[in-house]
């Protein structure tokens, strides 16, 4: 089962919000003079970076999907996906006959 892109967007948004909240906690610690541990810093950075990588992955998949669907009709006919195999005598290039879907 595939996870829909809306779910990935919500996961990225949640991860970013959690990372920013951790970052705000780090800022509060720094303002009052409390020590900032490595674990706190790493947690905040991992959450923010995970959100960024999720968004980049979604963007890359959408571009890849759009590139695969962006073929013009002429290229589809050259690739053999059209139903017409007869050469055309008219200047229109439209298929003639019953049952053709390339009109």
PDB file of N, CA and C in Angstrom:
ATOM      1  N   UNK A   1       0.836  -1.168   0.000  1.00  0.00           N
ATOM      2  CA  UNK A   1       0.000   0.000   0.000  1.00  0.00           C
ATOM      3  C   UNK A   1       0.888   1.241   0.000  1.00  0.00           C
ATOM      4  N   UNK A   2       0.598   2.154  -0.886  1.00  0.00           N
ATOM      5  CA  UNK A   2       1.383   3.383  -0.991  1.00  0.00           C
ATOM      6  C   UNK A   2       0.834   4.450  -0.055  1.00  0.00           C
ATOM      7  N   UNK A   3       1.740   5.251   0.476  1.00  0.00           N
ATOM      8  CA  UNK A   3       1.343   6.367   1.315  1.00  0.00           C
ATOM      9  C   UNK A   3       1.111   7.570   0.408  1.00  0.00           C
ATOM     10  N   UNK A   4      -0.012   8.230   0.562  1.00  0.00           N
ATOM     11  CA  UNK A   4      -0.355   9.363  -0.293  1.00  0.00           C
ATOM     12  C   UNK A   4       0.511  10.574   0.046  1.00  0.00           C
ATOM     13  N   UNK A   5       0.620  11.475  -0.914  1.00  0.00           N
ATOM     14  CA  UNK A   5       1.487  12.638  -0.727  1.00  0.00           C
ATOM     15  C   UNK A   5       0.972  13.573   0.365  1.00  0.00           C
ATOM     16  N   UNK A   6      -0.322  13.577   0.597  1.00  0.00           N
ATOM     17  CA  UNK A   6      -0.861  14.417   1.676  1.00  0.00           C
ATOM     18  C   UNK A   6      -0.333  13.957   3.029  1.00  0.00           C
ATOM     19  N   UNK A   7      -0.233  12.650   3.204  1.00  0.00           N
ATOM     20  CA  UNK A   7       0.304  12.105   4.448  1.00  0.00           C
ATOM     21  C   UNK A   7       1.765  12.515   4.605  1.00  0.00           C
ATOM     22  N   UNK A   8       2.525  12.456   3.507  1.00  0.00           N
ATOM     23  CA  UNK A   8       3.937  12.871   3.570  1.00  0.00           C
ATOM     24  C   UNK A   8       4.051  14.348   3.913  1.00  0.00           C
ATOM     25  N   UNK A   9       3.153  15.171   3.372  1.00  0.00           N
ATOM     26  CA  UNK A   9       3.172  16.599   3.704  1.00  0.00           C
ATOM     27  C   UNK A   9       2.903  16.825   5.187  1.00  0.00           C
ATOM     28  N   UNK A  10       1.926  16.115   5.741  1.00  0.00           N
ATOM     29  CA  UNK A  10       1.626  16.261   7.162  1.00  0.00           C
ATOM     30  C   UNK A  10       2.789  15.766   8.022  1.00  0.00           C
ATOM     31  N   UNK A  11       3.433  14.674   7.615  1.00  0.00           N
ATOM     32  CA  UNK A  11       4.602  14.198   8.365  1.00  0.00           C
ATOM     33  C   UNK A  11       5.733  15.219   8.330  1.00  0.00           C
ATOM     34  N   UNK A  12       5.952  15.809   7.179  1.00  0.00           N
ATOM     35  CA  UNK A  12       7.001  16.830   7.072  1.00  0.00           C
ATOM     36  C   UNK A  12       6.668  18.048   7.921  1.00  0.00           C
ATOM     37  N   UNK A  13       5.405  18.472   7.892  1.00  0.00           N
ATOM     38  CA  UNK A  13       5.010  19.635   8.691  1.00  0.00           C
ATOM     39  C   UNK A  13       5.128  19.347  10.180  1.00  0.00           C
ATOM     40  N   UNK A  14       4.718  18.160  10.593  1.00  0.00           N
ATOM     41  CA  UNK A  14       4.831  17.791  11.998  1.00  0.00           C
ATOM     42  C   UNK A  14       6.266  17.701  12.459  1.00  0.00           C
ATOM     43  N   UNK A  15       7.117  17.136  11.615  1.00  0.00           N
ATOM     44  CA  UNK A  15       8.535  17.036  11.946  1.00  0.00           C
ATOM     45  C   UNK A  15       9.174  18.418  12.045  1.00  0.00           C
ATOM     46  N   UNK A  16       8.818  19.298  11.134  1.00  0.00           N
ATOM     47  CA  UNK A  16       9.368  20.650  11.181  1.00  0.00           C
ATOM     48  C   UNK A  16       8.910  21.390  12.436  1.00  0.00           C
ATOM     49  N   UNK A  17       7.641  21.268  12.763  1.00  0.00           N
ATOM     50  CA  UNK A  17       7.129  21.942  13.971  1.00  0.00           C
ATOM     51  C   UNK A  17       7.802  21.403  15.228  1.00  0.00           C
ATOM     52  N   UNK A  18       7.952  20.093  15.311  1.00  0.00           N
ATOM     53  CA  UNK A  18       8.604  19.510  16.485  1.00  0.00           C
ATOM     54  C   UNK A  18      10.066  19.953  16.567  1.00  0.00           C
ATOM     55  N   UNK A  19      10.739  20.005  15.415  1.00  0.00           N
ATOM     56  CA  UNK A  19      12.131  20.463  15.411  1.00  0.00           C
ATOM     57  C   UNK A  19      12.264  21.918  15.821  1.00  0.00           C
ATOM     58  N   UNK A  20      11.337  22.749  15.355  1.00  0.00           N
ATOM     59  CA  UNK A  20      11.376  24.159  15.730  1.00  0.00           C
ATOM     60  C   UNK A  20      11.051  24.365  17.208  1.00  0.00           C
ATOM     61  N   UNK A  21      10.133  23.558  17.735  1.00  0.00           N
ATOM     62  CA  UNK A  21       9.846  23.641  19.169  1.00  0.00           C
ATOM     63  C   UNK A  21      11.059  23.228  20.004  1.00  0.00           C
ATOM     64  N   UNK A  22      11.746  22.189  19.557  1.00  0.00           N
ATOM     65  CA  UNK A  22      12.979  21.792  20.263  1.00  0.00           C
ATOM     66  C   UNK A  22      14.016  22.906  20.175  1.00  0.00           C
ATOM     67  N   UNK A  23      14.113  23.539  19.022  1.00  0.00           N
ATOM     68  CA  UNK A  23      15.039  24.657  18.863  1.00  0.00           C
ATOM     69  C   UNK A  23      14.685  25.828  19.760  1.00  0.00           C
ATOM     70  N   UNK A  24      13.388  26.081  19.916  1.00  0.00           N
ATOM     71  CA  UNK A  24      12.976  27.153  20.826  1.00  0.00           C
ATOM     72  C   UNK A  24      13.329  26.802  22.270  1.00  0.00           C
ATOM     73  N   UNK A  25      13.217  25.531  22.615  1.00  0.00           N
ATOM     74  CA  UNK A  25      13.623  25.108  23.952  1.00  0.00           C
ATOM     75  C   UNK A  25      15.115  25.295  24.169  1.00  0.00           C
ATOM     76  N   UNK A  26      15.895  25.028  23.126  1.00  0.00           N
ATOM     77  CA  UNK A  26      17.344  25.253  23.217  1.00  0.00           C
ATOM     78  C   UNK A  26      17.652  26.731  23.408  1.00  0.00           C
ATOM     79  N   UNK A  27      16.920  27.567  22.698  1.00  0.00           N
ATOM     80  CA  UNK A  27      17.132  29.013  22.851  1.00  0.00           C
ATOM     81  C   UNK A  27      16.793  29.473  24.268  1.00  0.00           C
ATOM     82  N   UNK A  28      15.712  28.924  24.815  1.00  0.00           N
ATOM     83  CA  UNK A  28      15.352  29.261  26.185  1.00  0.00           C
ATOM     84  C   UNK A  28      16.415  28.832  27.178  1.00  0.00           C
ATOM     85  N   UNK A  29      16.973  27.643  26.964  1.00  0.00           N
ATOM     86  CA  UNK A  29      18.063  27.177  27.826  1.00  0.00           C
ATOM     87  C   UNK A  29      19.263  28.108  27.726  1.00  0.00           C
ATOM     88  N   UNK A  30      19.567  28.545  26.516  1.00  0.00           N
ATOM     89  CA  UNK A  30      20.733  29.415  26.327  1.00  0.00           C
ATOM     90  C   UNK A  30      20.514  30.772  26.989  1.00  0.00           C
ATOM     91  N   UNK A  31      19.285  31.265  26.963  1.00  0.00           N
ATOM     92  CA  UNK A  31      19.013  32.584  27.547  1.00  0.00           C
ATOM     93  C   UNK A  31      19.110  32.585  29.070  1.00  0.00           C
ATOM     94  N   UNK A  32      18.761  31.472  29.702  1.00  0.00           N
ATOM     95  CA  UNK A  32      18.834  31.430  31.170  1.00  0.00           C
ATOM     96  C   UNK A  32      20.164  30.878  31.663  1.00  0.00           C
ATOM     97  N   UNK A  33      21.020  30.499  30.737  1.00  0.00           N
ATOM     98  CA  UNK A  33      22.343  30.020  31.119  1.00  0.00           C
ATOM     99  C   UNK A  33      22.418  28.530  31.398  1.00  0.00           C
ATOM    100  N   UNK A  34      21.388  27.771  31.093  1.00  0.00           N
ATOM    101  CA  UNK A  34      21.413  26.319  31.289  1.00  0.00           C
ATOM    102  C   UNK A  34      22.240  25.676  30.179  1.00  0.00           C
ATOM    103  N   UNK A  35      22.878  24.572  30.471  1.00  0.00           N
ATOM    104  CA  UNK A  35      23.689  23.903  29.439  1.00  0.00           C
ATOM    105  C   UNK A  35      22.804  23.273  28.359  1.00  0.00           C
ATOM    106  N   UNK A  36      23.307  23.277  27.134  1.00  0.00           N
ATOM    107  CA  UNK A  36      22.632  22.636  26.014  1.00  0.00           C
ATOM    108  C   UNK A  36      23.364  21.330  25.734  1.00  0.00           C
ATOM    109  N   UNK A  37      22.670  20.228  25.857  1.00  0.00           N
ATOM    110  CA  UNK A  37      23.321  18.935  25.654  1.00  0.00           C
ATOM    111  C   UNK A  37      23.357  18.584  24.172  1.00  0.00           C
ATOM    112  N   UNK A  38      24.230  17.656  23.860  1.00  0.00           N
ATOM    113  CA  UNK A  38      24.330  17.195  22.471  1.00  0.00           C
ATOM    114  C   UNK A  38      23.042  16.520  22.017  1.00  0.00           C
ATOM    115  N   UNK A  39      22.415  15.780  22.895  1.00  0.00           N
ATOM    116  CA  UNK A  39      21.178  15.085  22.547  1.00  0.00           C
ATOM    117  C   UNK A  39      20.067  16.035  22.163  1.00  0.00           C
ATOM    118  N   UNK A  40      19.961  17.146  22.876  1.00  0.00           N
ATOM    119  CA  UNK A  40      18.928  18.133  22.548  1.00  0.00           C
ATOM    120  C   UNK A  40      19.191  18.741  21.174  1.00  0.00           C
ATOM    121  N   UNK A  41      20.435  19.083  20.926  1.00  0.00           N
ATOM    122  CA  UNK A  41      20.782  19.700  19.644  1.00  0.00           C
ATOM    123  C   UNK A  41      20.560  18.728  18.494  1.00  0.00           C
ATOM    124  N   UNK A  42      21.006  17.484  18.674  1.00  0.00           N
ATOM    125  CA  UNK A  42      20.871  16.484  17.605  1.00  0.00           C
ATOM    126  C   UNK A  42      19.399  16.194  17.329  1.00  0.00           C
ATOM    127  N   UNK A  43      18.598  16.117  18.371  1.00  0.00           N
ATOM    128  CA  UNK A  43      17.161  15.871  18.178  1.00  0.00           C
ATOM    129  C   UNK A  43      16.519  16.977  17.352  1.00  0.00           C
ATOM    130  N   UNK A  44      16.799  18.215  17.689  1.00  0.00           N
ATOM    131  CA  UNK A  44      16.223  19.332  16.943  1.00  0.00           C
ATOM    132  C   UNK A  44      16.695  19.323  15.493  1.00  0.00           C
ATOM    133  N   UNK A  45      17.978  19.092  15.279  1.00  0.00           N
ATOM    134  CA  UNK A  45      18.502  19.105  13.903  1.00  0.00           C
ATOM    135  C   UNK A  45      17.972  17.942  13.079  1.00  0.00           C
ATOM    136  N   UNK A  46      17.860  16.765  13.667  1.00  0.00           N
ATOM    137  CA  UNK A  46      17.349  15.605  12.923  1.00  0.00           C
ATOM    138  C   UNK A  46      15.899  15.832  12.507  1.00  0.00           C
ATOM    139  N   UNK A  47      15.101  16.393  13.388  1.00  0.00           N
ATOM    140  CA  UNK A  47      13.697  16.652  13.036  1.00  0.00           C
ATOM    141  C   UNK A  47      13.572  17.671  11.908  1.00  0.00           C
ATOM    142  N   UNK A  48      14.355  18.724  11.968  1.00  0.00           N
ATOM    143  CA  UNK A  48      14.298  19.746  10.920  1.00  0.00           C
ATOM    144  C   UNK A  48      14.820  19.196   9.597  1.00  0.00           C
ATOM    145  N   UNK A  49      15.918  18.456   9.634  1.00  0.00           N
ATOM    146  CA  UNK A  49      16.470  17.881   8.400  1.00  0.00           C
ATOM    147  C   UNK A  49      15.559  16.809   7.817  1.00  0.00           C
ATOM    148  N   UNK A  50      14.907  16.028   8.665  1.00  0.00           N
ATOM    149  CA  UNK A  50      13.962  15.025   8.167  1.00  0.00           C
ATOM    150  C   UNK A  50      12.803  15.690   7.428  1.00  0.00           C
ATOM    151  N   UNK A  51      12.335  16.807   7.965  1.00  0.00           N
ATOM    152  CA  UNK A  51      11.258  17.536   7.275  1.00  0.00           C
ATOM    153  C   UNK A  51      11.734  18.039   5.918  1.00  0.00           C
ATOM    154  N   UNK A  52      12.928  18.589   5.860  1.00  0.00           N
ATOM    155  CA  UNK A  52      13.467  19.081   4.594  1.00  0.00           C
ATOM    156  C   UNK A  52      13.656  17.980   3.572  1.00  0.00           C
ATOM    157  N   UNK A  53      14.182  16.839   3.999  1.00  0.00           N
ATOM    158  CA  UNK A  53      14.384  15.721   3.073  1.00  0.00           C
ATOM    159  C   UNK A  53      13.054  15.142   2.598  1.00  0.00           C
ATOM    160  N   UNK A  54      12.060  15.127   3.449  1.00  0.00           N
ATOM    161  CA  UNK A  54      10.743  14.640   3.040  1.00  0.00           C
ATOM    162  C   UNK A  54      10.140  15.538   1.969  1.00  0.00           C
ATOM    163  N   UNK A  55      10.255  16.829   2.153  1.00  0.00           N
ATOM    164  CA  UNK A  55       9.719  17.770   1.164  1.00  0.00           C
ATOM    165  C   UNK A  55      10.479  17.645  -0.154  1.00  0.00           C
ATOM    166  N   UNK A  56      11.795  17.497  -0.099  1.00  0.00           N
ATOM    167  CA  UNK A  56      12.575  17.322  -1.329  1.00  0.00           C
ATOM    168  C   UNK A  56      12.217  16.027  -2.048  1.00  0.00           C
ATOM    169  N   UNK A  57      11.960  14.976  -1.303  1.00  0.00           N
ATOM    170  CA  UNK A  57      11.572  13.708  -1.914  1.00  0.00           C
ATOM    171  C   UNK A  57      10.221  13.831  -2.606  1.00  0.00           C
ATOM    172  N   UNK A  58       9.274  14.505  -1.960  1.00  0.00           N
ATOM    173  CA  UNK A  58       7.963  14.718  -2.578  1.00  0.00           C
ATOM    174  C   UNK A  58       8.119  15.521  -3.865  1.00  0.00           C
ATOM    175  N   UNK A  59       8.913  16.571  -3.810  1.00  0.00           N
ATOM    176  CA  UNK A  59       9.131  17.416  -4.984  1.00  0.00           C
ATOM    177  C   UNK A  59       9.764  16.626  -6.118  1.00  0.00           C
ATOM    178  N   UNK A  60      10.758  15.775  -5.806  1.00  0.00           N
ATOM    179  CA  UNK A  60      11.440  14.985  -6.830  1.00  0.00           C
ATOM    180  C   UNK A  60      10.480  13.982  -7.459  1.00  0.00           C
ATOM    181  N   UNK A  61       9.640  13.329  -6.660  1.00  0.00           N
ATOM    182  CA  UNK A  61       8.679  12.366  -7.204  1.00  0.00           C
ATOM    183  C   UNK A  61       7.663  13.045  -8.107  1.00  0.00           C
ATOM    184  N   UNK A  62       7.212  14.231  -7.727  1.00  0.00           N
ATOM    185  CA  UNK A  62       6.253  14.952  -8.571  1.00  0.00           C
ATOM    186  C   UNK A  62       6.881  15.359  -9.900  1.00  0.00           C
ATOM    187  N   UNK A  63       8.124  15.799  -9.866  1.00  0.00           N
ATOM    188  CA  UNK A  63       8.800  16.164 -11.116  1.00  0.00           C
ATOM    189  C   UNK A  63       8.990  14.959 -12.006  1.00  0.00           C
ATOM    190  N   UNK A  64       9.357  13.834 -11.413  1.00  0.00           N
ATOM    191  CA  UNK A  64       9.565  12.612 -12.182  1.00  0.00           C
ATOM    192  C   UNK A  64       8.258  12.133 -12.807  1.00  0.00           C
ATOM    193  N   UNK A  65       7.171  12.192 -12.029  1.00  0.00           N
ATOM    194  CA  UNK A  65       5.870  11.786 -12.536  1.00  0.00           C
ATOM    195  C   UNK A  65       5.399  12.729 -13.640  1.00  0.00           C
ATOM    196  N   UNK A  66       5.626  14.035 -13.476  1.00  0.00           N
ATOM    197  CA  UNK A  66       5.206  15.008 -14.487  1.00  0.00           C
ATOM    198  C   UNK A  66       6.019  14.852 -15.764  1.00  0.00           C
ATOM    199  N   UNK A  67       7.287  14.505 -15.650  1.00  0.00           N
ATOM    200  CA  UNK A  67       8.117  14.313 -16.838  1.00  0.00           C
ATOM    201  C   UNK A  67       7.680  13.090 -17.619  1.00  0.00           C
ATOM    202  N   UNK A  68       7.199  12.068 -16.937  1.00  0.00           N
ATOM    203  CA  UNK A  68       6.739  10.858 -17.613  1.00  0.00           C
ATOM    204  C   UNK A  68       5.414  11.045 -18.312  1.00  0.00           C
ATOM    205  N   UNK A  69       4.589  11.954 -17.853  1.00  0.00           N
ATOM    206  CA  UNK A  69       3.265  12.174 -18.439  1.00  0.00           C
ATOM    207  C   UNK A  69       3.245  13.315 -19.436  1.00  0.00           C
ATOM    208  N   UNK A  70       4.340  13.994 -19.630  1.00  0.00           N
ATOM    209  CA  UNK A  70       4.344  15.189 -20.463  1.00  0.00           C
ATOM    210  C   UNK A  70       4.647  14.951 -21.926  1.00  0.00           C
ATOM    211  N   UNK A  71       4.450  13.739 -22.449  1.00  0.00           N
ATOM    212  CA  UNK A  71       4.761  13.461 -23.851  1.00  0.00           C
ATOM    213  C   UNK A  71       3.640  13.981 -24.752  1.00  0.00           C
ATOM    214  N   UNK A  72       3.986  14.676 -25.805  1.00  0.00           N
ATOM    215  CA  UNK A  72       2.961  15.119 -26.756  1.00  0.00           C
ATOM    216  C   UNK A  72       2.337  13.932 -27.486  1.00  0.00           C
ATOM    217  N   UNK A  73       1.160  14.151 -28.086  1.00  0.00           N
ATOM    218  CA  UNK A  73       0.457  13.074 -28.790  1.00  0.00           C
ATOM    219  C   UNK A  73       1.262  12.523 -29.948  1.00  0.00           C
ATOM    220  N   UNK A  74       2.027  13.374 -30.631  1.00  0.00           N
ATOM    221  CA  UNK A  74       2.826  12.895 -31.754  1.00  0.00           C
ATOM    222  C   UNK A  74       3.865  11.891 -31.285  1.00  0.00           C
ATOM    223  N   UNK A  75       4.473  12.118 -30.150  1.00  0.00           N
ATOM    224  CA  UNK A  75       5.453  11.174 -29.632  1.00  0.00           C
ATOM    225  C   UNK A  75       4.782   9.876 -29.212  1.00  0.00           C
ATOM    226  N   UNK A  76       3.567   9.963 -28.679  1.00  0.00           N
ATOM    227  CA  UNK A  76       2.860   8.750 -28.297  1.00  0.00           C
ATOM    228  C   UNK A  76       2.575   7.888 -29.518  1.00  0.00           C
ATOM    229  N   UNK A  77       2.228   8.537 -30.655  1.00  0.00           N
ATOM    230  CA  UNK A  77       1.970   7.770 -31.863  1.00  0.00           C
ATOM    231  C   UNK A  77       3.261   7.154 -32.391  1.00  0.00           C
ATOM    232  N   UNK A  78       4.372   7.875 -32.294  1.00  0.00           N
ATOM    233  CA  UNK A  78       5.643   7.319 -32.742  1.00  0.00           C
ATOM    234  C   UNK A  78       6.086   6.147 -31.877  1.00  0.00           C
ATOM    235  N   UNK A  79       5.719   6.178 -30.625  1.00  0.00           N
ATOM    236  CA  UNK A  79       6.081   5.099 -29.722  1.00  0.00           C
ATOM    237  C   UNK A  79       5.170   3.893 -29.860  1.00  0.00           C
ATOM    238  N   UNK A  80       4.135   4.010 -30.677  1.00  0.00           N
ATOM    239  CA  UNK A  80       3.249   2.882 -30.927  1.00  0.00           C
ATOM    240  C   UNK A  80       2.098   2.769 -29.954  1.00  0.00           C
ATOM    241  N   UNK A  81       1.800   3.802 -29.217  1.00  0.00           N
ATOM    242  CA  UNK A  81       0.693   3.725 -28.270  1.00  0.00           C
ATOM    243  C   UNK A  81      -0.624   4.150 -28.896  1.00  0.00           C
ATOM    244  N   UNK A  82      -0.598   4.710 -30.092  1.00  0.00           N
ATOM    245  CA  UNK A  82      -1.832   5.085 -30.778  1.00  0.00           C
ATOM    246  C   UNK A  82      -2.428   3.877 -31.472  1.00  0.00           C
ATOM    247  N   UNK A  83      -3.717   3.943 -31.816  1.00  0.00           N
ATOM    248  CA  UNK A  83      -4.369   2.790 -32.443  1.00  0.00           C
ATOM    249  C   UNK A  83      -4.243   2.825 -33.960  1.00  0.00           C
ATOM    250  N   UNK A  84      -3.848   3.932 -34.548  1.00  0.00           N
ATOM    251  CA  UNK A  84      -3.776   4.060 -35.991  1.00  0.00           C
ATOM    252  C   UNK A  84      -2.402   3.632 -36.491  1.00  0.00           C
ATOM    253  N   UNK A  85      -2.378   2.736 -37.487  1.00  0.00           N
ATOM    254  CA  UNK A  85      -1.101   2.295 -38.056  1.00  0.00           C
ATOM    255  C   UNK A  85      -1.004   2.596 -39.542  1.00  0.00           C
ATOM    256  N   UNK A  86      -2.053   3.204 -40.122  1.00  0.00           N
ATOM    257  CA  UNK A  86      -2.074   3.492 -41.550  1.00  0.00           C
ATOM    258  C   UNK A  86      -1.503   4.883 -41.820  1.00  0.00           C
ATOM    259  N   UNK A  87      -0.763   5.058 -42.938  1.00  0.00           N
ATOM    260  CA  UNK A  87      -0.306   6.402 -43.302  1.00  0.00           C
ATOM    261  C   UNK A  87      -1.504   7.243 -43.731  1.00  0.00           C
ATOM    262  N   UNK A  88      -1.406   8.547 -43.515  1.00  0.00           N
ATOM    263  CA  UNK A  88      -2.513   9.454 -43.785  1.00  0.00           C
ATOM    264  C   UNK A  88      -2.272  10.200 -45.086  1.00  0.00           C
ATOM    265  N   UNK A  89      -3.369  10.374 -45.839  1.00  0.00           N
ATOM    266  CA  UNK A  89      -3.310  11.123 -47.079  1.00  0.00           C
ATOM    267  C   UNK A  89      -3.730  12.578 -46.868  1.00  0.00           C
ATOM    268  N   UNK A  90      -4.463  12.839 -45.789  1.00  0.00           N
ATOM    269  CA  UNK A  90      -4.951  14.197 -45.561  1.00  0.00           C
ATOM    270  C   UNK A  90      -3.898  15.003 -44.816  1.00  0.00           C
ATOM    271  N   UNK A  91      -4.037  16.321 -44.900  1.00  0.00           N
ATOM    272  CA  UNK A  91      -3.081  17.189 -44.218  1.00  0.00           C
ATOM    273  C   UNK A  91      -3.331  17.254 -42.719  1.00  0.00           C
ATOM    274  N   UNK A  92      -4.524  16.833 -42.287  1.00  0.00           N
ATOM    275  CA  UNK A  92      -4.854  16.876 -40.871  1.00  0.00           C
ATOM    276  C   UNK A  92      -4.114  15.818 -40.075  1.00  0.00           C
ATOM    277  N   UNK A  93      -3.915  14.658 -40.659  1.00  0.00           N
ATOM    278  CA  UNK A  93      -3.261  13.576 -39.955  1.00  0.00           C
ATOM    279  C   UNK A  93      -4.183  12.831 -39.019  1.00  0.00           C
ATOM    280  N   UNK A  94      -5.512  13.021 -39.157  1.00  0.00           N
ATOM    281  CA  UNK A  94      -6.456  12.369 -38.286  1.00  0.00           C
ATOM    282  C   UNK A  94      -6.719  10.939 -38.761  1.00  0.00           C
ATOM    283  N   UNK A  95      -6.973  10.048 -37.853  1.00  0.00           N
ATOM    284  CA  UNK A  95      -7.267   8.652 -38.198  1.00  0.00           C
ATOM    285  C   UNK A  95      -8.678   8.540 -38.732  1.00  0.00           C
ATOM    286  N   UNK A  96      -8.855   7.681 -39.706  1.00  0.00           N
ATOM    287  CA  UNK A  96     -10.160   7.480 -40.316  1.00  0.00           C
ATOM    288  C   UNK A  96     -10.569   6.052 -40.076  1.00  0.00           C
ATOM    289  N   UNK A  97     -11.850   5.847 -39.913  1.00  0.00           N
ATOM    290  CA  UNK A  97     -12.361   4.491 -39.738  1.00  0.00           C
ATOM    291  C   UNK A  97     -13.058   4.341 -38.397  1.00  0.00           C
ATOM    292  N   UNK A  98     -13.732   3.197 -38.278  1.00  0.00           N
ATOM    293  CA  UNK A  98     -14.511   2.953 -37.066  1.00  0.00           C
ATOM    294  C   UNK A  98     -13.594   2.472 -35.950  1.00  0.00           C
ATOM    295  N   UNK A  99     -13.892   2.916 -34.761  1.00  0.00           N
ATOM    296  CA  UNK A  99     -13.180   2.404 -33.589  1.00  0.00           C
ATOM    297  C   UNK A  99     -11.884   3.117 -33.249  1.00  0.00           C
ATOM    298  N   UNK A 100     -11.498   4.111 -34.014  1.00  0.00           N
ATOM    299  CA  UNK A 100     -10.251   4.821 -33.707  1.00  0.00           C
ATOM    300  C   UNK A 100     -10.491   5.850 -32.608  1.00  0.00           C
ATOM    301  N   UNK A 101      -9.552   5.959 -31.719  1.00  0.00           N
ATOM    302  CA  UNK A 101      -9.679   6.914 -30.605  1.00  0.00           C
ATOM    303  C   UNK A 101      -8.813   8.129 -30.796  1.00  0.00           C
ATOM    304  N   UNK A 102      -8.055   8.209 -31.880  1.00  0.00           N
ATOM    305  CA  UNK A 102      -7.130   9.331 -32.109  1.00  0.00           C
ATOM    306  C   UNK A 102      -7.751  10.402 -32.975  1.00  0.00           C
ATOM    307  N   UNK A 103      -8.995  10.710 -32.817  1.00  0.00           N
ATOM    308  CA  UNK A 103      -9.625  11.737 -33.655  1.00  0.00           C
ATOM    309  C   UNK A 103      -9.571  13.066 -33.004  1.00  0.00           C
TER     310      UNK A 103
END
